[in-house]
C-alpha atoms as a PDB file:
ATOM      1  CA  MET A   1       0.759  49.938  91.213  1.00  0.00           C
ATOM      2  CA  GLY A   2      -2.918  49.777  92.028  1.00  0.00           C
ATOM      3  CA  ARG A   3      -5.556  51.675  90.141  1.00  0.00           C
ATOM      4  CA  VAL A   4      -6.229  54.225  92.853  1.00  0.00           C
ATOM      5  CA  ASN A   5      -8.256  57.363  92.333  1.00  0.00           C
ATOM      6  CA  ASP A   6      -5.288  59.678  91.838  1.00  0.00           C
ATOM      7  CA  THR A   7      -3.697  57.423  89.220  1.00  0.00           C
ATOM      8  CA  LYS A   8      -4.254  58.778  85.728  1.00  0.00           C
ATOM      9  CA  ILE A   9      -5.850  56.400  83.251  1.00  0.00           C
ATOM     10  CA  ALA A  10      -4.603  56.576  79.659  1.00  0.00           C
ATOM     11  CA  LEU A  11      -5.960  54.791  76.593  1.00  0.00           C
ATOM     12  CA  VAL A  12      -3.621  54.485  73.611  1.00  0.00           C
ATOM     13  CA  THR A  13      -5.080  53.117  70.364  1.00  0.00           C
ATOM     14  CA  GLY A  14      -2.867  50.938  68.177  1.00  0.00           C
ATOM     15  CA  ALA A  15      -0.646  50.472  71.223  1.00  0.00           C
ATOM     16  CA  ASN A  16       0.607  46.948  70.563  1.00  0.00           C
ATOM     17  CA  LYS A  17       3.671  48.068  68.559  1.00  0.00           C
ATOM     18  CA  GLY A  18       5.745  50.960  67.249  1.00  0.00           C
ATOM     19  CA  ILE A  19       5.033  54.499  68.361  1.00  0.00           C
ATOM     20  CA  GLY A  20       1.812  53.478  70.101  1.00  0.00           C
ATOM     21  CA  PHE A  21       3.658  51.010  72.325  1.00  0.00           C
ATOM     22  CA  ALA A  22       6.334  53.615  73.063  1.00  0.00           C
ATOM     23  CA  ILE A  23       3.645  56.126  74.062  1.00  0.00           C
ATOM     24  CA  ALA A  24       2.000  53.541  76.320  1.00  0.00           C
ATOM     25  CA  TRP A  25       5.351  52.720  77.906  1.00  0.00           C
ATOM     26  CA  GLY A  26       6.215  56.387  78.389  1.00  0.00           C
ATOM     27  CA  LEU A  27       2.886  57.240  80.015  1.00  0.00           C
ATOM     28  CA  GLY A  28       3.194  54.139  82.186  1.00  0.00           C
ATOM     29  CA  ALA A  29       6.670  55.212  83.276  1.00  0.00           C
ATOM     30  CA  LEU A  30       5.111  58.491  84.454  1.00  0.00           C
ATOM     31  CA  GLY A  31       2.722  56.515  86.663  1.00  0.00           C
ATOM     32  CA  CYS A  32      -0.334  56.237  84.455  1.00  0.00           C
ATOM     33  CA  THR A  33      -2.418  53.103  84.275  1.00  0.00           C
ATOM     34  CA  VAL A  34      -2.383  52.310  80.561  1.00  0.00           C
ATOM     35  CA  ALA A  35      -5.149  50.707  78.533  1.00  0.00           C
ATOM     36  CA  VAL A  36      -3.583  49.069  75.477  1.00  0.00           C
ATOM     37  CA  GLY A  37      -6.082  49.369  72.634  1.00  0.00           C
ATOM     38  CA  ALA A  38      -5.475  46.963  69.760  1.00  0.00           C
ATOM     39  CA  ARG A  39      -7.402  44.719  67.367  1.00  0.00           C
ATOM     40  CA  ASP A  40      -5.258  41.596  67.527  1.00  0.00           C
ATOM     41  CA  GLY A  41      -5.752  39.723  70.795  1.00  0.00           C
ATOM     42  CA  GLY A  42      -2.412  37.947  70.804  1.00  0.00           C
ATOM     43  CA  ARG A  43      -0.384  41.065  70.057  1.00  0.00           C
ATOM     44  CA  ARG A  44      -2.430  43.080  72.533  1.00  0.00           C
ATOM     45  CA  GLU A  45      -1.780  40.650  75.383  1.00  0.00           C
ATOM     46  CA  ALA A  46       1.906  40.366  74.455  1.00  0.00           C
ATOM     47  CA  ALA A  47       2.189  44.162  74.666  1.00  0.00           C
ATOM     48  CA  VAL A  48       0.436  44.198  78.042  1.00  0.00           C
ATOM     49  CA  GLU A  49       2.843  41.554  79.359  1.00  0.00           C
ATOM     50  CA  ARG A  50       5.850  43.523  78.079  1.00  0.00           C
ATOM     51  CA  LEU A  51       4.578  46.670  79.805  1.00  0.00           C
ATOM     52  CA  ARG A  52       3.899  44.843  83.054  1.00  0.00           C
ATOM     53  CA  ALA A  53       7.393  43.362  82.940  1.00  0.00           C
ATOM     54  CA  GLU A  54       8.679  46.950  82.849  1.00  0.00           C
ATOM     55  CA  GLY A  55       6.620  47.842  85.919  1.00  0.00           C
ATOM     56  CA  VAL A  56       3.737  49.525  84.090  1.00  0.00           C
ATOM     57  CA  ASP A  57       0.172  48.983  85.301  1.00  0.00           C
ATOM     58  CA  ALA A  58      -1.405  47.983  81.979  1.00  0.00           C
ATOM     59  CA  PHE A  59      -4.467  46.175  80.742  1.00  0.00           C
ATOM     60  CA  GLY A  60      -5.693  45.300  77.259  1.00  0.00           C
ATOM     61  CA  ILE A  61      -8.788  46.529  75.469  1.00  0.00           C
ATOM     62  CA  ALA A  62     -10.088  44.931  72.274  1.00  0.00           C
ATOM     63  CA  LEU A  63     -10.429  47.895  69.953  1.00  0.00           C
ATOM     64  CA  ASP A  64     -10.993  48.091  66.196  1.00  0.00           C
ATOM     65  CA  VAL A  65     -11.351  51.805  65.485  1.00  0.00           C
ATOM     66  CA  THR A  66     -13.223  51.059  62.229  1.00  0.00           C
ATOM     67  CA  SER A  67     -16.039  49.261  64.077  1.00  0.00           C
ATOM     68  CA  ASP A  68     -18.803  51.154  65.883  1.00  0.00           C
ATOM     69  CA  ASP A  69     -19.599  48.069  67.969  1.00  0.00           C
ATOM     70  CA  SER A  70     -15.984  47.509  68.951  1.00  0.00           C
ATOM     71  CA  VAL A  71     -15.533  51.134  69.990  1.00  0.00           C
ATOM     72  CA  THR A  72     -18.766  51.102  72.005  1.00  0.00           C
ATOM     73  CA  GLU A  73     -17.684  47.928  73.790  1.00  0.00           C
ATOM     74  CA  ALA A  74     -14.223  49.389  74.441  1.00  0.00           C
ATOM     75  CA  ALA A  75     -15.784  52.411  76.148  1.00  0.00           C
ATOM     76  CA  ALA A  76     -17.898  50.060  78.270  1.00  0.00           C
ATOM     77  CA  THR A  77     -14.750  48.136  79.217  1.00  0.00           C
ATOM     78  CA  VAL A  78     -12.962  51.316  80.311  1.00  0.00           C
ATOM     79  CA  GLU A  79     -16.012  52.330  82.341  1.00  0.00           C
ATOM     80  CA  ARG A  80     -16.171  48.935  84.063  1.00  0.00           C
ATOM     81  CA  THR A  81     -12.438  48.782  84.701  1.00  0.00           C
ATOM     82  CA  THR A  82     -11.532  52.321  85.771  1.00  0.00           C
ATOM     83  CA  GLY A  83     -14.713  54.424  85.731  1.00  0.00           C
ATOM     84  CA  ARG A  84     -13.097  57.315  83.901  1.00  0.00           C
ATOM     85  CA  LEU A  85     -10.396  58.268  81.408  1.00  0.00           C
ATOM     86  CA  ASP A  86      -7.771  60.981  81.871  1.00  0.00           C
ATOM     87  CA  VAL A  87      -5.867  60.655  78.597  1.00  0.00           C
ATOM     88  CA  LEU A  88      -6.859  59.489  75.123  1.00  0.00           C
ATOM     89  CA  VAL A  89      -4.107  59.083  72.539  1.00  0.00           C
ATOM     90  CA  ASN A  90      -5.536  58.411  69.090  1.00  0.00           C
ATOM     91  CA  ASN A  91      -2.481  56.695  67.653  1.00  0.00           C
ATOM     92  CA  ALA A  92      -3.976  53.981  65.422  1.00  0.00           C
ATOM     93  CA  GLY A  93      -3.380  54.825  61.778  1.00  0.00           C
ATOM     94  CA  ILE A  94      -2.610  53.262  58.415  1.00  0.00           C
ATOM     95  CA  GLY A  95      -0.712  54.369  55.336  1.00  0.00           C
ATOM     96  CA  GLY A  96      -2.891  52.615  52.793  1.00  0.00           C
ATOM     97  CA  ARG A  97      -1.925  50.709  49.647  1.00  0.00           C
ATOM     98  CA  VAL A  98       0.426  52.449  47.227  1.00  0.00           C
ATOM     99  CA  ASP A  99       0.846  49.789  44.525  1.00  0.00           C
ATOM    100  CA  GLY A 100      -0.336  50.404  40.987  1.00  0.00           C
ATOM    101  CA  GLY A 101      -0.603  54.150  41.442  1.00  0.00           C
ATOM    102  CA  ALA A 102      -3.232  53.752  44.182  1.00  0.00           C
ATOM    103  CA  GLN A 103      -2.081  56.984  45.882  1.00  0.00           C
ATOM    104  CA  ASP A 104      -0.951  58.885  42.810  1.00  0.00           C
ATOM    105  CA  PRO A 105      -3.549  61.671  42.593  1.00  0.00           C
ATOM    106  CA  THR A 106      -3.862  61.166  38.833  1.00  0.00           C
ATOM    107  CA  THR A 107      -4.767  57.476  39.255  1.00  0.00           C
ATOM    108  CA  LEU A 108      -6.145  57.619  42.790  1.00  0.00           C
ATOM    109  CA  ASP A 109      -7.965  54.529  44.033  1.00  0.00           C
ATOM    110  CA  LEU A 110     -10.948  55.925  45.908  1.00  0.00           C
ATOM    111  CA  ASP A 111     -11.420  52.671  47.773  1.00  0.00           C
ATOM    112  CA  VAL A 112      -7.947  53.208  49.249  1.00  0.00           C
ATOM    113  CA  VAL A 113      -8.958  56.734  50.242  1.00  0.00           C
ATOM    114  CA  ARG A 114     -12.084  55.406  51.966  1.00  0.00           C
ATOM    115  CA  THR A 115     -10.083  52.742  53.803  1.00  0.00           C
ATOM    116  CA  VAL A 116      -7.468  55.229  54.998  1.00  0.00           C
ATOM    117  CA  LEU A 117     -10.074  57.771  56.092  1.00  0.00           C
ATOM    118  CA  ASP A 118     -12.033  55.107  57.949  1.00  0.00           C
ATOM    119  CA  THR A 119      -9.083  54.472  60.257  1.00  0.00           C
ATOM    120  CA  ASN A 120      -7.204  57.776  60.283  1.00  0.00           C
ATOM    121  CA  VAL A 121     -10.159  60.168  60.559  1.00  0.00           C
ATOM    122  CA  PHE A 122     -13.452  58.396  61.174  1.00  0.00           C
ATOM    123  CA  GLY A 123     -11.745  56.073  63.647  1.00  0.00           C
ATOM    124  CA  VAL A 124     -10.503  59.042  65.660  1.00  0.00           C
ATOM    125  CA  VAL A 125     -14.000  60.543  65.729  1.00  0.00           C
ATOM    126  CA  ARG A 126     -15.575  57.211  66.726  1.00  0.00           C
ATOM    127  CA  VAL A 127     -13.159  56.651  69.584  1.00  0.00           C
ATOM    128  CA  THR A 128     -13.096  60.257  70.772  1.00  0.00           C
ATOM    129  CA  ASN A 129     -16.876  60.579  70.931  1.00  0.00           C
ATOM    130  CA  ALA A 130     -17.258  57.224  72.659  1.00  0.00           C
ATOM    131  CA  MET A 131     -14.658  58.157  75.281  1.00  0.00           C
ATOM    132  CA  LEU A 132     -15.654  61.800  75.848  1.00  0.00           C
ATOM    133  CA  PRO A 133     -18.177  61.004  78.615  1.00  0.00           C
ATOM    134  CA  LEU A 134     -15.394  59.167  80.476  1.00  0.00           C
ATOM    135  CA  LEU A 135     -12.888  61.959  79.805  1.00  0.00           C
ATOM    136  CA  ARG A 136     -15.295  64.554  81.165  1.00  0.00           C
ATOM    137  CA  ARG A 137     -15.162  62.756  84.544  1.00  0.00           C
ATOM    138  CA  ALA A 138     -11.421  63.486  84.809  1.00  0.00           C
ATOM    139  CA  GLY A 139      -9.908  66.563  86.383  1.00  0.00           C
ATOM    140  CA  SER A 140      -7.528  67.416  83.530  1.00  0.00           C
ATOM    141  CA  PRO A 141      -8.534  65.382  80.473  1.00  0.00           C
ATOM    142  CA  ARG A 142      -6.236  65.351  77.443  1.00  0.00           C
ATOM    143  CA  ILE A 143      -6.767  64.129  73.886  1.00  0.00           C
ATOM    144  CA  VAL A 144      -3.787  63.714  71.557  1.00  0.00           C
ATOM    145  CA  ASN A 145      -4.240  62.896  67.867  1.00  0.00           C
ATOM    146  CA  LEU A 146      -1.237  61.398  66.070  1.00  0.00           C
ATOM    147  CA  SER A 147      -0.946  63.250  62.790  1.00  0.00           C
ATOM    148  CA  SER A 148       1.919  63.828  60.352  1.00  0.00           C
ATOM    149  CA  ASN A 149       3.603  66.845  58.827  1.00  0.00           C
ATOM    150  CA  MET A 150       2.717  65.194  55.513  1.00  0.00           C
ATOM    151  CA  GLY A 151      -0.727  66.614  56.264  1.00  0.00           C
ATOM    152  CA  SER A 152       0.641  70.155  56.428  1.00  0.00           C
ATOM    153  CA  LEU A 153      -0.585  72.122  53.403  1.00  0.00           C
ATOM    154  CA  THR A 154       2.314  74.518  54.008  1.00  0.00           C
ATOM    155  CA  LEU A 155       5.181  72.036  54.298  1.00  0.00           C
ATOM    156  CA  ARG A 156       4.029  69.340  51.815  1.00  0.00           C
ATOM    157  CA  THR A 157       6.628  66.881  53.075  1.00  0.00           C
ATOM    158  CA  GLY A 158       7.216  63.258  52.197  1.00  0.00           C
ATOM    159  CA  PRO A 159       6.270  61.288  49.103  1.00  0.00           C
ATOM    160  CA  VAL A 160       3.113  61.977  47.115  1.00  0.00           C
ATOM    161  CA  MET A 161       0.446  59.939  48.941  1.00  0.00           C
ATOM    162  CA  ALA A 162      -2.945  61.299  47.945  1.00  0.00           C
ATOM    163  CA  ALA A 163      -4.892  59.152  50.429  1.00  0.00           C
ATOM    164  CA  TYR A 164      -2.614  59.252  53.467  1.00  0.00           C
ATOM    165  CA  ALA A 165      -1.476  62.899  53.395  1.00  0.00           C
ATOM    166  CA  PRO A 166      -5.014  64.343  52.991  1.00  0.00           C
ATOM    167  CA  SER A 167      -6.226  62.035  55.764  1.00  0.00           C
ATOM    168  CA  LYS A 168      -3.815  63.808  58.106  1.00  0.00           C
ATOM    169  CA  SER A 169      -4.884  67.233  56.776  1.00  0.00           C
ATOM    170  CA  MET A 170      -8.465  66.286  57.623  1.00  0.00           C
ATOM    171  CA  LEU A 171      -7.432  64.929  61.024  1.00  0.00           C
ATOM    172  CA  ASN A 172      -5.756  68.264  61.758  1.00  0.00           C
ATOM    173  CA  SER A 173      -8.925  70.099  60.785  1.00  0.00           C
ATOM    174  CA  VAL A 174     -11.072  67.785  62.919  1.00  0.00           C
ATOM    175  CA  THR A 175      -8.677  68.360  65.835  1.00  0.00           C
ATOM    176  CA  ALA A 176      -9.182  72.106  65.476  1.00  0.00           C
ATOM    177  CA  GLN A 177     -12.962  71.637  65.416  1.00  0.00           C
ATOM    178  CA  TYR A 178     -12.859  69.594  68.631  1.00  0.00           C
ATOM    179  CA  ALA A 179     -10.676  72.222  70.278  1.00  0.00           C
ATOM    180  CA  ARG A 180     -13.151  74.968  69.315  1.00  0.00           C
ATOM    181  CA  ARG A 181     -16.113  72.945  70.567  1.00  0.00           C
ATOM    182  CA  LEU A 182     -14.371  72.101  73.844  1.00  0.00           C
ATOM    183  CA  ALA A 183     -12.792  75.533  74.355  1.00  0.00           C
ATOM    184  CA  ASP A 184     -14.856  76.305  77.460  1.00  0.00           C
ATOM    185  CA  THR A 185     -14.241  72.885  79.038  1.00  0.00           C
ATOM    186  CA  ASN A 186     -11.224  71.320  80.755  1.00  0.00           C
ATOM    187  CA  VAL A 187     -10.703  68.923  77.824  1.00  0.00           C
ATOM    188  CA  ILE A 188      -7.512  69.892  75.967  1.00  0.00           C
ATOM    189  CA  VAL A 189      -7.134  68.549  72.417  1.00  0.00           C
ATOM    190  CA  ASN A 190      -4.043  68.750  70.214  1.00  0.00           C
ATOM    191  CA  ALA A 191      -2.412  67.010  67.250  1.00  0.00           C
ATOM    192  CA  CYS A 192       1.228  66.045  66.878  1.00  0.00           C
ATOM    193  CA  CYS A 193       3.751  64.715  64.395  1.00  0.00           C
ATOM    194  CA  PRO A 194       6.143  62.063  65.727  1.00  0.00           C
ATOM    195  CA  GLY A 195       8.561  62.552  62.847  1.00  0.00           C
ATOM    196  CA  TYR A 196      10.028  59.926  60.541  1.00  0.00           C
ATOM    197  CA  VAL A 197      10.250  56.946  62.872  1.00  0.00           C
ATOM    198  CA  ALA A 198      11.649  53.444  62.342  1.00  0.00           C
ATOM    199  CA  THR A 199       8.590  51.180  62.577  1.00  0.00           C
ATOM    200  CA  ASP A 200       7.050  48.540  60.334  1.00  0.00           C
ATOM    201  CA  PHE A 201       5.025  51.465  58.902  1.00  0.00           C
ATOM    202  CA  THR A 202       8.248  52.890  57.392  1.00  0.00           C
ATOM    203  CA  GLY A 203       9.988  49.565  56.786  1.00  0.00           C
ATOM    204  CA  PHE A 204      12.296  50.334  59.737  1.00  0.00           C
ATOM    205  CA  THR A 205      14.362  52.598  57.474  1.00  0.00           C
ATOM    206  CA  ALA A 206      13.750  55.892  59.282  1.00  0.00           C
ATOM    207  CA  PRO A 207      16.290  57.596  61.560  1.00  0.00           C
ATOM    208  CA  ARG A 208      14.122  58.201  64.655  1.00  0.00           C
ATOM    209  CA  THR A 209      13.325  55.616  67.308  1.00  0.00           C
ATOM    210  CA  PRO A 210       9.745  54.962  68.460  1.00  0.00           C
ATOM    211  CA  GLU A 211      10.714  56.461  71.819  1.00  0.00           C
ATOM    212  CA  GLN A 212      11.794  59.693  70.118  1.00  0.00           C
ATOM    213  CA  GLY A 213       8.582  59.707  68.118  1.00  0.00           C
ATOM    214  CA  ALA A 214       6.495  59.178  71.244  1.00  0.00           C
ATOM    215  CA  ALA A 215       7.968  62.114  73.166  1.00  0.00           C
ATOM    216  CA  ILE A 216       5.761  64.862  71.724  1.00  0.00           C
ATOM    217  CA  ALA A 217       2.592  62.808  72.241  1.00  0.00           C
ATOM    218  CA  ILE A 218       3.547  62.154  75.858  1.00  0.00           C
ATOM    219  CA  ARG A 219       4.221  65.856  76.374  1.00  0.00           C
ATOM    220  CA  LEU A 220       0.796  66.814  74.971  1.00  0.00           C
ATOM    221  CA  ALA A 221      -0.875  64.061  77.007  1.00  0.00           C
ATOM    222  CA  THR A 222       0.515  65.573  80.207  1.00  0.00           C
ATOM    223  CA  LEU A 223       0.035  69.288  79.489  1.00  0.00           C
ATOM    224  CA  PRO A 224      -0.743  71.609  82.376  1.00  0.00           C
ATOM    225  CA  ASP A 225      -4.234  73.084  82.543  1.00  0.00           C
ATOM    226  CA  ASP A 226      -3.035  76.307  80.866  1.00  0.00           C
ATOM    227  CA  GLY A 227      -1.395  74.390  78.014  1.00  0.00           C
ATOM    228  CA  PRO A 228      -2.038  75.013  74.328  1.00  0.00           C
ATOM    229  CA  ARG A 229      -5.278  73.899  72.679  1.00  0.00           C
ATOM    230  CA  GLY A 230      -6.081  72.999  69.100  1.00  0.00           C
ATOM    231  CA  GLY A 231      -2.477  73.093  67.951  1.00  0.00           C
ATOM    232  CA  PHE A 232      -0.222  70.928  65.793  1.00  0.00           C
ATOM    233  CA  PHE A 233       3.202  70.241  67.304  1.00  0.00           C
ATOM    234  CA  ASP A 234       6.416  68.299  66.933  1.00  0.00           C
ATOM    235  CA  ASP A 235       9.558  68.266  69.072  1.00  0.00           C
ATOM    236  CA  ASP A 236      10.539  71.706  67.804  1.00  0.00           C
ATOM    237  CA  GLY A 237       7.193  73.392  68.509  1.00  0.00           C
ATOM    238  CA  PRO A 238       4.182  74.370  66.409  1.00  0.00           C
ATOM    239  CA  ILE A 239       3.928  72.977  62.870  1.00  0.00           C
ATOM    240  CA  PRO A 240       2.377  75.208  60.197  1.00  0.00           C
ATOM    241  CA  TRP A 241      -1.006  73.999  58.998  1.00  0.00           C
END
């Protein structure tokens, strides 16, 4: 598969493993050229080789979402390689330390909060704003932010994690702000929850596979031009904020 003009270009952050890899694979299976964004060079290249072995046109991009310089260089790499971006999936995220009451709200370690926000929220803003000029060159650009229903103020699911859960609440709010700002453009922005998926993030104890978790992100990444904007979705539909 060559990178011809009608081939959609998708960047997935944190794509070397877990849900991110499954999203990259799924978009590749639909014919997208996939940029695998990841910090670790060895893991990144291993993921690219796995995707290529499955017939996916993939290439790696060094990307640390917590680094302004890394994100700027990643955008330059996309520009040099493909000239535009059709899909951005902001998948990279961390749970943060939980030992010693670090995420108990009554003993909350603010350094843990800062670390989690730097990846889960600020990282999304860094990457999105760096890639927006490339997305605006596409005919039907899509941005998908990987959130969690733990960030739902209505549902309040999962364990008490007073750094991680609020980071997803803030990501949802930021997603809504982007959607409002881009309402009169062709850039469609949404957030999704992959569900409780068996990855190293969950100690591989969860019931859902990465492929199941990736499905909603892939659906939002390939929405038609009249698709929903500024929403929060899982497999069953809209999630309450």
